[in-house]
Amino acid sequence: MRSTQRNGSPDAPNSVLGRALTVLTAFELGDDELSLAELVRRTGVAKATIHRLVTELAQWRVVERTPGGGVRLGIRLFELGQLVPRQLGLREAAAPFLADLFEATHETIHLATPDGTEVVYVQKLEGRAGPPVPSRVGGRMPMHCTGVGKAILAFALPQLLDDVLRAGLTRRAPRTIIAPGLLSAELERIHERGVAYEREESGIGVTCVAAPVLDGDGHAVAALSITGWVNRFDPERMAPAVRTAALGLTRALATTL
């Protein structure tokens, strides 16, 4: 999913770096490759400029040319992503907690962090019998319609909720909460009980339970969740397990980060 934070600027970037980043962020979930024409359409940058930028980015292995004449993201981006200290430390600290949840449930497990008004998934353990969830490591989703996003929002500074409401509560599924008052009330309940539930708000048939991972000030730096089919997965029954894992990760991060 493309981020409104990154691509919603009213003015096209004028610098070479800005235009290069516009090319890279034009790729969306599911895009194995894009044609030059599609890059021009998505970015609004002139074709000649796109061609030059792609050539230079390919020299740095940030993008790659495909045999069919298209463009795909390059291996160098993956290598750089593995060096990001915050996500790397978080993933390492979270690994045993996520593994325990997966072993106990065999359902899809997510770990996500906030970025603007969205969440970024930094780890995903996919259950074989679970629903097809539109998430991937490095992918994004709006905060207001995901369990991890609501768990983060409920334990964030008030400014973040203001930003989410200002960005608009886009309907992702029939049961997405799009009324600001209803979302605020839901976040109050999440803050009281320590877990967030999502019931077909991000996709039909999907339900989950999530819990926040907190810093020393009690603000969410991440959240983890268990996801399953709405007709056979009981999120309330799994709530104690996901909350215990989140509390354990909170304590682990306090000593490692």
C-alpha atoms as a PDB file:
ATOM      1  CA  MET A   1       0.000   0.000   0.000  1.00  0.00           C
ATOM      2  CA  ARG A   2       1.325   3.445  -0.871  1.00  0.00           C
ATOM      3  CA  SER A   3       1.729   5.880   1.964  1.00  0.00           C
ATOM      4  CA  THR A   4      -0.097   9.190   1.892  1.00  0.00           C
ATOM      5  CA  GLN A   5       2.661  10.485   4.127  1.00  0.00           C
ATOM      6  CA  ARG A   6       5.329   9.874   1.551  1.00  0.00           C
ATOM      7  CA  ASN A   7       3.459  10.503  -1.670  1.00  0.00           C
ATOM      8  CA  GLY A   8       0.826  13.029  -0.719  1.00  0.00           C
ATOM      9  CA  SER A   9       2.993  16.136  -0.957  1.00  0.00           C
ATOM     10  CA  PRO A  10       1.322  18.873  -3.054  1.00  0.00           C
ATOM     11  CA  ASP A  11       4.563  19.743  -4.829  1.00  0.00           C
ATOM     12  CA  ALA A  12       6.746  17.389  -6.832  1.00  0.00           C
ATOM     13  CA  PRO A  13      10.315  17.254  -5.506  1.00  0.00           C
ATOM     14  CA  ASN A  14      12.823  19.390  -7.389  1.00  0.00           C
ATOM     15  CA  SER A  15      16.052  17.824  -6.108  1.00  0.00           C
ATOM     16  CA  VAL A  16      17.668  14.771  -7.667  1.00  0.00           C
ATOM     17  CA  LEU A  17      17.447  12.935  -4.341  1.00  0.00           C
ATOM     18  CA  GLY A  18      13.779  13.817  -3.986  1.00  0.00           C
ATOM     19  CA  ARG A  19      12.971  12.560  -7.459  1.00  0.00           C
ATOM     20  CA  ALA A  20      14.941   9.367  -6.887  1.00  0.00           C
ATOM     21  CA  LEU A  21      12.972   8.686  -3.702  1.00  0.00           C
ATOM     22  CA  THR A  22       9.751   9.404  -5.600  1.00  0.00           C
ATOM     23  CA  VAL A  23      10.700   6.636  -8.040  1.00  0.00           C
ATOM     24  CA  LEU A  24      11.431   4.161  -5.243  1.00  0.00           C
ATOM     25  CA  THR A  25       8.230   4.919  -3.297  1.00  0.00           C
ATOM     26  CA  ALA A  26       6.140   4.533  -6.454  1.00  0.00           C
ATOM     27  CA  PHE A  27       6.311   0.760  -5.920  1.00  0.00           C
ATOM     28  CA  GLU A  28       3.292  -0.711  -4.134  1.00  0.00           C
ATOM     29  CA  LEU A  29       2.463  -3.991  -2.480  1.00  0.00           C
ATOM     30  CA  GLY A  30       2.358  -6.681  -5.165  1.00  0.00           C
ATOM     31  CA  ASP A  31       4.478  -4.776  -7.703  1.00  0.00           C
ATOM     32  CA  ASP A  32       7.130  -7.236  -8.843  1.00  0.00           C
ATOM     33  CA  GLU A  33       8.144  -4.751 -11.508  1.00  0.00           C
ATOM     34  CA  LEU A  34       6.945  -1.539 -13.151  1.00  0.00           C
ATOM     35  CA  SER A  35       7.337  -0.265 -16.686  1.00  0.00           C
ATOM     36  CA  LEU A  36       8.936   3.115 -17.329  1.00  0.00           C
ATOM     37  CA  ALA A  37       5.566   4.378 -18.536  1.00  0.00           C
ATOM     38  CA  GLU A  38       3.934   3.349 -15.263  1.00  0.00           C
ATOM     39  CA  LEU A  39       6.679   5.049 -13.258  1.00  0.00           C
ATOM     40  CA  VAL A  40       6.060   8.235 -15.231  1.00  0.00           C
ATOM     41  CA  ARG A  41       2.326   7.982 -14.545  1.00  0.00           C
ATOM     42  CA  ARG A  42       2.706   7.346 -10.815  1.00  0.00           C
ATOM     43  CA  THR A  43       5.400   9.926 -10.138  1.00  0.00           C
ATOM     44  CA  GLY A  44       4.524  12.729 -12.542  1.00  0.00           C
ATOM     45  CA  VAL A  45       8.211  12.992 -13.430  1.00  0.00           C
ATOM     46  CA  ALA A  46       9.178  13.422 -17.078  1.00  0.00           C
ATOM     47  CA  LYS A  47      10.025  10.268 -19.034  1.00  0.00           C
ATOM     48  CA  ALA A  48      13.567  11.391 -19.846  1.00  0.00           C
ATOM     49  CA  THR A  49      14.206  12.120 -16.164  1.00  0.00           C
ATOM     50  CA  ILE A  50      12.778   8.754 -15.105  1.00  0.00           C
ATOM     51  CA  HIS A  51      15.034   6.994 -17.616  1.00  0.00           C
ATOM     52  CA  ARG A  52      18.107   8.819 -16.262  1.00  0.00           C
ATOM     53  CA  LEU A  53      17.186   8.194 -12.629  1.00  0.00           C
ATOM     54  CA  VAL A  54      16.561   4.485 -13.236  1.00  0.00           C
ATOM     55  CA  THR A  55      19.930   4.177 -14.980  1.00  0.00           C
ATOM     56  CA  GLU A  56      21.755   5.775 -12.044  1.00  0.00           C
ATOM     57  CA  LEU A  57      19.818   3.830  -9.411  1.00  0.00           C
ATOM     58  CA  ALA A  58      20.590   0.596 -11.267  1.00  0.00           C
ATOM     59  CA  GLN A  59      24.301   1.387 -11.090  1.00  0.00           C
ATOM     60  CA  TRP A  60      23.939   1.483  -7.308  1.00  0.00           C
ATOM     61  CA  ARG A  61      21.895  -1.776  -7.350  1.00  0.00           C
ATOM     62  CA  VAL A  62      18.970   0.055  -5.745  1.00  0.00           C
ATOM     63  CA  VAL A  63      16.817  -0.968  -8.718  1.00  0.00           C
ATOM     64  CA  GLU A  64      17.253  -3.596 -11.403  1.00  0.00           C
ATOM     65  CA  ARG A  65      16.229  -3.778 -15.051  1.00  0.00           C
ATOM     66  CA  THR A  66      14.123  -6.820 -15.882  1.00  0.00           C
ATOM     67  CA  PRO A  67      14.415  -8.899 -19.080  1.00  0.00           C
ATOM     68  CA  GLY A  68      11.049  -7.527 -20.213  1.00  0.00           C
ATOM     69  CA  GLY A  69      12.232  -3.939 -20.038  1.00  0.00           C
ATOM     70  CA  GLY A  70      10.664  -3.124 -16.685  1.00  0.00           C
ATOM     71  CA  VAL A  71      12.148  -2.005 -13.373  1.00  0.00           C
ATOM     72  CA  ARG A  72      12.134  -3.745  -9.994  1.00  0.00           C
ATOM     73  CA  LEU A  73      13.581  -2.884  -6.597  1.00  0.00           C
ATOM     74  CA  GLY A  74      17.148  -4.066  -6.142  1.00  0.00           C
ATOM     75  CA  ILE A  75      18.955  -6.214  -3.619  1.00  0.00           C
ATOM     76  CA  ARG A  76      20.847  -3.232  -2.221  1.00  0.00           C
ATOM     77  CA  LEU A  77      17.631  -1.892  -0.690  1.00  0.00           C
ATOM     78  CA  PHE A  78      17.142  -5.173   1.151  1.00  0.00           C
ATOM     79  CA  GLU A  79      20.736  -5.091   2.389  1.00  0.00           C
ATOM     80  CA  LEU A  80      20.345  -1.544   3.690  1.00  0.00           C
ATOM     81  CA  GLY A  81      17.044  -2.393   5.350  1.00  0.00           C
ATOM     82  CA  GLN A  82      18.735  -5.097   7.393  1.00  0.00           C
ATOM     83  CA  LEU A  83      21.070  -2.461   8.860  1.00  0.00           C
ATOM     84  CA  VAL A  84      18.362  -0.203  10.317  1.00  0.00           C
ATOM     85  CA  PRO A  85      19.227  -0.417  14.047  1.00  0.00           C
ATOM     86  CA  ARG A  86      15.766   0.202  15.501  1.00  0.00           C
ATOM     87  CA  GLN A  87      13.991  -2.462  13.461  1.00  0.00           C
ATOM     88  CA  LEU A  88      16.914  -4.876  13.708  1.00  0.00           C
ATOM     89  CA  GLY A  89      17.059  -4.615  17.499  1.00  0.00           C
ATOM     90  CA  LEU A  90      13.298  -4.883  17.770  1.00  0.00           C
ATOM     91  CA  ARG A  91      13.117  -7.973  15.566  1.00  0.00           C
ATOM     92  CA  GLU A  92      15.917  -9.695  17.453  1.00  0.00           C
ATOM     93  CA  ALA A  93      14.358  -8.965  20.831  1.00  0.00           C
ATOM     94  CA  ALA A  94      10.899  -9.992  19.607  1.00  0.00           C
ATOM     95  CA  ALA A  95      11.956 -13.252  17.939  1.00  0.00           C
ATOM     96  CA  PRO A  96      11.442 -15.618  20.916  1.00  0.00           C
ATOM     97  CA  PHE A  97       8.091 -14.056  21.854  1.00  0.00           C
ATOM     98  CA  LEU A  98       6.784 -14.278  18.303  1.00  0.00           C
ATOM     99  CA  ALA A  99       8.021 -17.855  17.996  1.00  0.00           C
ATOM    100  CA  ASP A 100       6.245 -18.840  21.218  1.00  0.00           C
ATOM    101  CA  LEU A 101       2.971 -17.293  20.033  1.00  0.00           C
ATOM    102  CA  PHE A 102       3.243 -19.038  16.683  1.00  0.00           C
ATOM    103  CA  GLU A 103       4.032 -22.393  18.258  1.00  0.00           C
ATOM    104  CA  ALA A 104       1.089 -22.059  20.640  1.00  0.00           C
ATOM    105  CA  THR A 105      -1.469 -20.957  18.047  1.00  0.00           C
ATOM    106  CA  HIS A 106      -0.188 -21.776  14.529  1.00  0.00           C
ATOM    107  CA  GLU A 107      -1.961 -18.584  13.473  1.00  0.00           C
ATOM    108  CA  THR A 108      -0.457 -15.584  11.675  1.00  0.00           C
ATOM    109  CA  ILE A 109       1.702 -13.439  13.975  1.00  0.00           C
ATOM    110  CA  HIS A 110       2.578  -9.810  13.225  1.00  0.00           C
ATOM    111  CA  LEU A 111       5.037  -7.320  14.677  1.00  0.00           C
ATOM    112  CA  ALA A 112       4.598  -3.718  13.553  1.00  0.00           C
ATOM    113  CA  THR A 113       5.941  -0.258  14.327  1.00  0.00           C
ATOM    114  CA  PRO A 114       4.384   3.179  13.767  1.00  0.00           C
ATOM    115  CA  ASP A 115       5.449   5.448  10.927  1.00  0.00           C
ATOM    116  CA  GLY A 116       3.364   8.571  10.467  1.00  0.00           C
ATOM    117  CA  THR A 117      -0.310   7.575  10.362  1.00  0.00           C
ATOM    118  CA  GLU A 118       0.497   4.019   9.268  1.00  0.00           C
ATOM    119  CA  VAL A 119       2.043   0.884  10.683  1.00  0.00           C
ATOM    120  CA  VAL A 120       5.009  -0.844   9.079  1.00  0.00           C
ATOM    121  CA  TYR A 121       5.234  -4.607   9.481  1.00  0.00           C
ATOM    122  CA  VAL A 122       8.724  -5.601  10.595  1.00  0.00           C
ATOM    123  CA  GLN A 123       8.017  -9.308  11.093  1.00  0.00           C
ATOM    124  CA  LYS A 124       5.335 -11.779  10.028  1.00  0.00           C
ATOM    125  CA  LEU A 125       4.991 -15.477  10.796  1.00  0.00           C
ATOM    126  CA  GLU A 126       2.275 -16.812   8.520  1.00  0.00           C
ATOM    127  CA  GLY A 127      -0.097 -19.523   9.697  1.00  0.00           C
ATOM    128  CA  ARG A 128      -0.912 -22.136   7.083  1.00  0.00           C
ATOM    129  CA  ALA A 129      -4.622 -22.294   7.872  1.00  0.00           C
ATOM    130  CA  GLY A 130      -5.153 -18.580   8.370  1.00  0.00           C
ATOM    131  CA  PRO A 131      -6.832 -16.038   6.085  1.00  0.00           C
ATOM    132  CA  PRO A 132      -4.868 -14.288   3.316  1.00  0.00           C
ATOM    133  CA  VAL A 133      -3.835 -11.122   5.146  1.00  0.00           C
ATOM    134  CA  PRO A 134      -2.743  -8.141   2.988  1.00  0.00           C
ATOM    135  CA  SER A 135       0.498  -7.659   4.877  1.00  0.00           C
ATOM    136  CA  ARG A 136       4.161  -8.326   4.308  1.00  0.00           C
ATOM    137  CA  VAL A 137       7.440  -7.456   5.997  1.00  0.00           C
ATOM    138  CA  GLY A 138       8.146  -3.860   5.018  1.00  0.00           C
ATOM    139  CA  GLY A 139       4.519  -3.298   4.004  1.00  0.00           C
ATOM    140  CA  ARG A 140       2.199  -0.645   5.384  1.00  0.00           C
ATOM    141  CA  MET A 141      -1.388  -0.366   6.530  1.00  0.00           C
ATOM    142  CA  PRO A 142      -3.428   2.514   7.975  1.00  0.00           C
ATOM    143  CA  MET A 143      -3.465   2.579  11.762  1.00  0.00           C
ATOM    144  CA  HIS A 144      -7.192   3.013  12.227  1.00  0.00           C
ATOM    145  CA  CYS A 145      -8.245  -0.305  10.642  1.00  0.00           C
ATOM    146  CA  THR A 146      -5.655  -2.722  12.037  1.00  0.00           C
ATOM    147  CA  GLY A 147      -5.312  -4.332  15.437  1.00  0.00           C
ATOM    148  CA  VAL A 148      -1.662  -3.377  15.766  1.00  0.00           C
ATOM    149  CA  GLY A 149      -2.430   0.159  14.614  1.00  0.00           C
ATOM    150  CA  LYS A 150      -5.218   0.669  17.134  1.00  0.00           C
ATOM    151  CA  ALA A 151      -3.059  -0.792  19.907  1.00  0.00           C
ATOM    152  CA  ILE A 152      -0.357   1.752  19.057  1.00  0.00           C
ATOM    153  CA  LEU A 153      -2.833   4.637  18.771  1.00  0.00           C
ATOM    154  CA  ALA A 154      -4.359   3.882  22.170  1.00  0.00           C
ATOM    155  CA  PHE A 155      -0.951   4.257  23.828  1.00  0.00           C
ATOM    156  CA  ALA A 156       0.402   7.150  21.760  1.00  0.00           C
ATOM    157  CA  LEU A 157       0.579  10.891  22.341  1.00  0.00           C
ATOM    158  CA  PRO A 158      -2.712  12.648  21.450  1.00  0.00           C
ATOM    159  CA  GLN A 159      -1.066  14.330  18.459  1.00  0.00           C
ATOM    160  CA  LEU A 160      -0.881  11.014  16.616  1.00  0.00           C
ATOM    161  CA  LEU A 161      -4.644  10.512  16.783  1.00  0.00           C
ATOM    162  CA  ASP A 162      -5.097  14.082  15.536  1.00  0.00           C
ATOM    163  CA  ASP A 163      -2.841  13.271  12.584  1.00  0.00           C
ATOM    164  CA  VAL A 164      -4.764  10.068  11.814  1.00  0.00           C
ATOM    165  CA  LEU A 165      -8.106  11.877  11.876  1.00  0.00           C
ATOM    166  CA  ARG A 166      -6.738  14.679   9.726  1.00  0.00           C
ATOM    167  CA  ALA A 167      -5.481  12.136   7.162  1.00  0.00           C
ATOM    168  CA  GLY A 168      -8.991  10.664   6.962  1.00  0.00           C
ATOM    169  CA  LEU A 169     -10.454   7.348   8.098  1.00  0.00           C
ATOM    170  CA  THR A 170     -10.531   5.509   4.799  1.00  0.00           C
ATOM    171  CA  ARG A 171     -12.895   2.535   4.593  1.00  0.00           C
ATOM    172  CA  ARG A 172     -10.855  -0.607   3.889  1.00  0.00           C
ATOM    173  CA  ALA A 173     -13.671  -3.100   4.526  1.00  0.00           C
ATOM    174  CA  PRO A 174     -17.384  -2.967   5.368  1.00  0.00           C
ATOM    175  CA  ARG A 175     -16.682  -2.865   9.125  1.00  0.00           C
ATOM    176  CA  THR A 176     -13.859  -0.295   9.101  1.00  0.00           C
ATOM    177  CA  ILE A 177     -14.419   2.380  11.746  1.00  0.00           C
ATOM    178  CA  ILE A 178     -14.692   5.660   9.838  1.00  0.00           C
ATOM    179  CA  ALA A 179     -16.415   7.861  12.451  1.00  0.00           C
ATOM    180  CA  PRO A 180     -13.898   9.834  14.581  1.00  0.00           C
ATOM    181  CA  GLY A 181     -16.063   9.589  17.694  1.00  0.00           C
ATOM    182  CA  LEU A 182     -16.384   5.823  17.434  1.00  0.00           C
ATOM    183  CA  LEU A 183     -12.642   5.436  16.916  1.00  0.00           C
ATOM    184  CA  SER A 184     -11.854   7.614  19.951  1.00  0.00           C
ATOM    185  CA  ALA A 185     -14.225   5.562  22.116  1.00  0.00           C
ATOM    186  CA  GLU A 186     -12.656   2.336  20.855  1.00  0.00           C
ATOM    187  CA  LEU A 187      -9.180   3.610  21.699  1.00  0.00           C
ATOM    188  CA  GLU A 188     -10.288   4.432  25.250  1.00  0.00           C
ATOM    189  CA  ARG A 189     -11.489   0.854  25.699  1.00  0.00           C
ATOM    190  CA  ILE A 190      -8.204  -0.478  24.313  1.00  0.00           C
ATOM    191  CA  HIS A 191      -6.230   1.656  26.758  1.00  0.00           C
ATOM    192  CA  GLU A 192      -8.294   0.308  29.658  1.00  0.00           C
ATOM    193  CA  ARG A 193      -8.025  -3.396  28.782  1.00  0.00           C
ATOM    194  CA  GLY A 194      -4.513  -3.378  27.286  1.00  0.00           C
ATOM    195  CA  VAL A 195      -5.450  -5.189  24.068  1.00  0.00           C
ATOM    196  CA  ALA A 196      -7.032  -4.207  20.755  1.00  0.00           C
ATOM    197  CA  TYR A 197      -9.435  -6.248  18.656  1.00  0.00           C
ATOM    198  CA  GLU A 198     -10.003  -6.020  14.925  1.00  0.00           C
ATOM    199  CA  ARG A 199     -13.076  -7.674  13.462  1.00  0.00           C
ATOM    200  CA  GLU A 200     -13.164  -7.508   9.668  1.00  0.00           C
ATOM    201  CA  GLU A 201     -11.973  -3.894   9.649  1.00  0.00           C
ATOM    202  CA  SER A 202      -8.996  -4.441   7.336  1.00  0.00           C
ATOM    203  CA  GLY A 203     -10.473  -7.264   5.278  1.00  0.00           C
ATOM    204  CA  ILE A 204     -13.490  -9.551   5.102  1.00  0.00           C
ATOM    205  CA  GLY A 205     -13.129 -12.701   7.191  1.00  0.00           C
ATOM    206  CA  VAL A 206     -10.149 -11.410   9.191  1.00  0.00           C
ATOM    207  CA  THR A 207     -10.058 -10.933  12.952  1.00  0.00           C
ATOM    208  CA  CYS A 208      -7.160 -10.356  15.329  1.00  0.00           C
ATOM    209  CA  VAL A 209      -6.081  -9.394  18.820  1.00  0.00           C
ATOM    210  CA  ALA A 210      -3.108  -7.087  19.367  1.00  0.00           C
ATOM    211  CA  ALA A 211      -1.196  -5.591  22.275  1.00  0.00           C
ATOM    212  CA  PRO A 212       1.212  -2.639  22.480  1.00  0.00           C
ATOM    213  CA  VAL A 213       4.923  -2.748  23.215  1.00  0.00           C
ATOM    214  CA  LEU A 214       5.728   0.272  25.393  1.00  0.00           C
ATOM    215  CA  ASP A 215       8.707   2.483  26.116  1.00  0.00           C
ATOM    216  CA  GLY A 216       9.671   3.804  29.541  1.00  0.00           C
ATOM    217  CA  ASP A 217       7.087   6.587  29.305  1.00  0.00           C
ATOM    218  CA  GLY A 218       4.245   4.202  28.559  1.00  0.00           C
ATOM    219  CA  HIS A 219       4.005   5.105  24.868  1.00  0.00           C
ATOM    220  CA  ALA A 220       3.764   2.426  22.188  1.00  0.00           C
ATOM    221  CA  VAL A 221       6.869   1.822  20.097  1.00  0.00           C
ATOM    222  CA  ALA A 222       5.441  -1.301  18.442  1.00  0.00           C
ATOM    223  CA  ALA A 223       2.613  -3.812  18.674  1.00  0.00           C
ATOM    224  CA  LEU A 224       2.214  -7.518  18.058  1.00  0.00           C
ATOM    225  CA  SER A 225      -0.871  -9.477  17.084  1.00  0.00           C
ATOM    226  CA  ILE A 226      -2.426 -12.870  16.359  1.00  0.00           C
ATOM    227  CA  THR A 227      -4.662 -13.071  13.289  1.00  0.00           C
ATOM    228  CA  GLY A 228      -7.124 -15.729  12.162  1.00  0.00           C
ATOM    229  CA  TRP A 229     -10.434 -16.449  10.431  1.00  0.00           C
ATOM    230  CA  VAL A 230     -13.364 -14.652  12.039  1.00  0.00           C
ATOM    231  CA  ASN A 231     -15.526 -17.809  11.991  1.00  0.00           C
ATOM    232  CA  ARG A 232     -13.072 -20.018  13.889  1.00  0.00           C
ATOM    233  CA  PHE A 233     -10.569 -17.799  15.716  1.00  0.00           C
ATOM    234  CA  ASP A 234     -11.516 -16.485  19.169  1.00  0.00           C
ATOM    235  CA  PRO A 235      -9.500 -13.292  19.773  1.00  0.00           C
ATOM    236  CA  GLU A 236     -10.737 -12.897  23.365  1.00  0.00           C
ATOM    237  CA  ARG A 237      -9.374 -16.337  24.259  1.00  0.00           C
ATOM    238  CA  MET A 238      -5.975 -15.384  22.826  1.00  0.00           C
ATOM    239  CA  ALA A 239      -5.880 -11.949  24.485  1.00  0.00           C
ATOM    240  CA  PRO A 240      -3.946 -13.052  27.608  1.00  0.00           C
ATOM    241  CA  ALA A 241      -1.263 -14.721  25.486  1.00  0.00           C
ATOM    242  CA  VAL A 242      -0.688 -11.739  23.206  1.00  0.00           C
ATOM    243  CA  ARG A 243      -0.674  -9.307  26.121  1.00  0.00           C
ATOM    244  CA  THR A 244       1.823 -11.451  28.039  1.00  0.00           C
ATOM    245  CA  ALA A 245       4.097 -11.575  24.993  1.00  0.00           C
ATOM    246  CA  ALA A 246       3.872  -7.799  24.548  1.00  0.00           C
ATOM    247  CA  LEU A 247       4.713  -7.203  28.219  1.00  0.00           C
ATOM    248  CA  GLY A 248       7.659  -9.576  27.944  1.00  0.00           C
ATOM    249  CA  LEU A 249       8.942  -7.768  24.862  1.00  0.00           C
ATOM    250  CA  THR A 250       8.475  -4.429  26.631  1.00  0.00           C
ATOM    251  CA  ARG A 251      10.708  -5.630  29.459  1.00  0.00           C
ATOM    252  CA  ALA A 252      13.256  -7.101  27.051  1.00  0.00           C
ATOM    253  CA  LEU A 253      13.535  -3.850  25.081  1.00  0.00           C
ATOM    254  CA  ALA A 254      14.047  -1.882  28.277  1.00  0.00           C
ATOM    255  CA  THR A 255      17.308  -3.769  28.825  1.00  0.00           C
ATOM    256  CA  THR A 256      18.532  -4.054  25.227  1.00  0.00           C
ATOM    257  CA  LEU A 257      17.642  -0.814  23.393  1.00  0.00           C
END
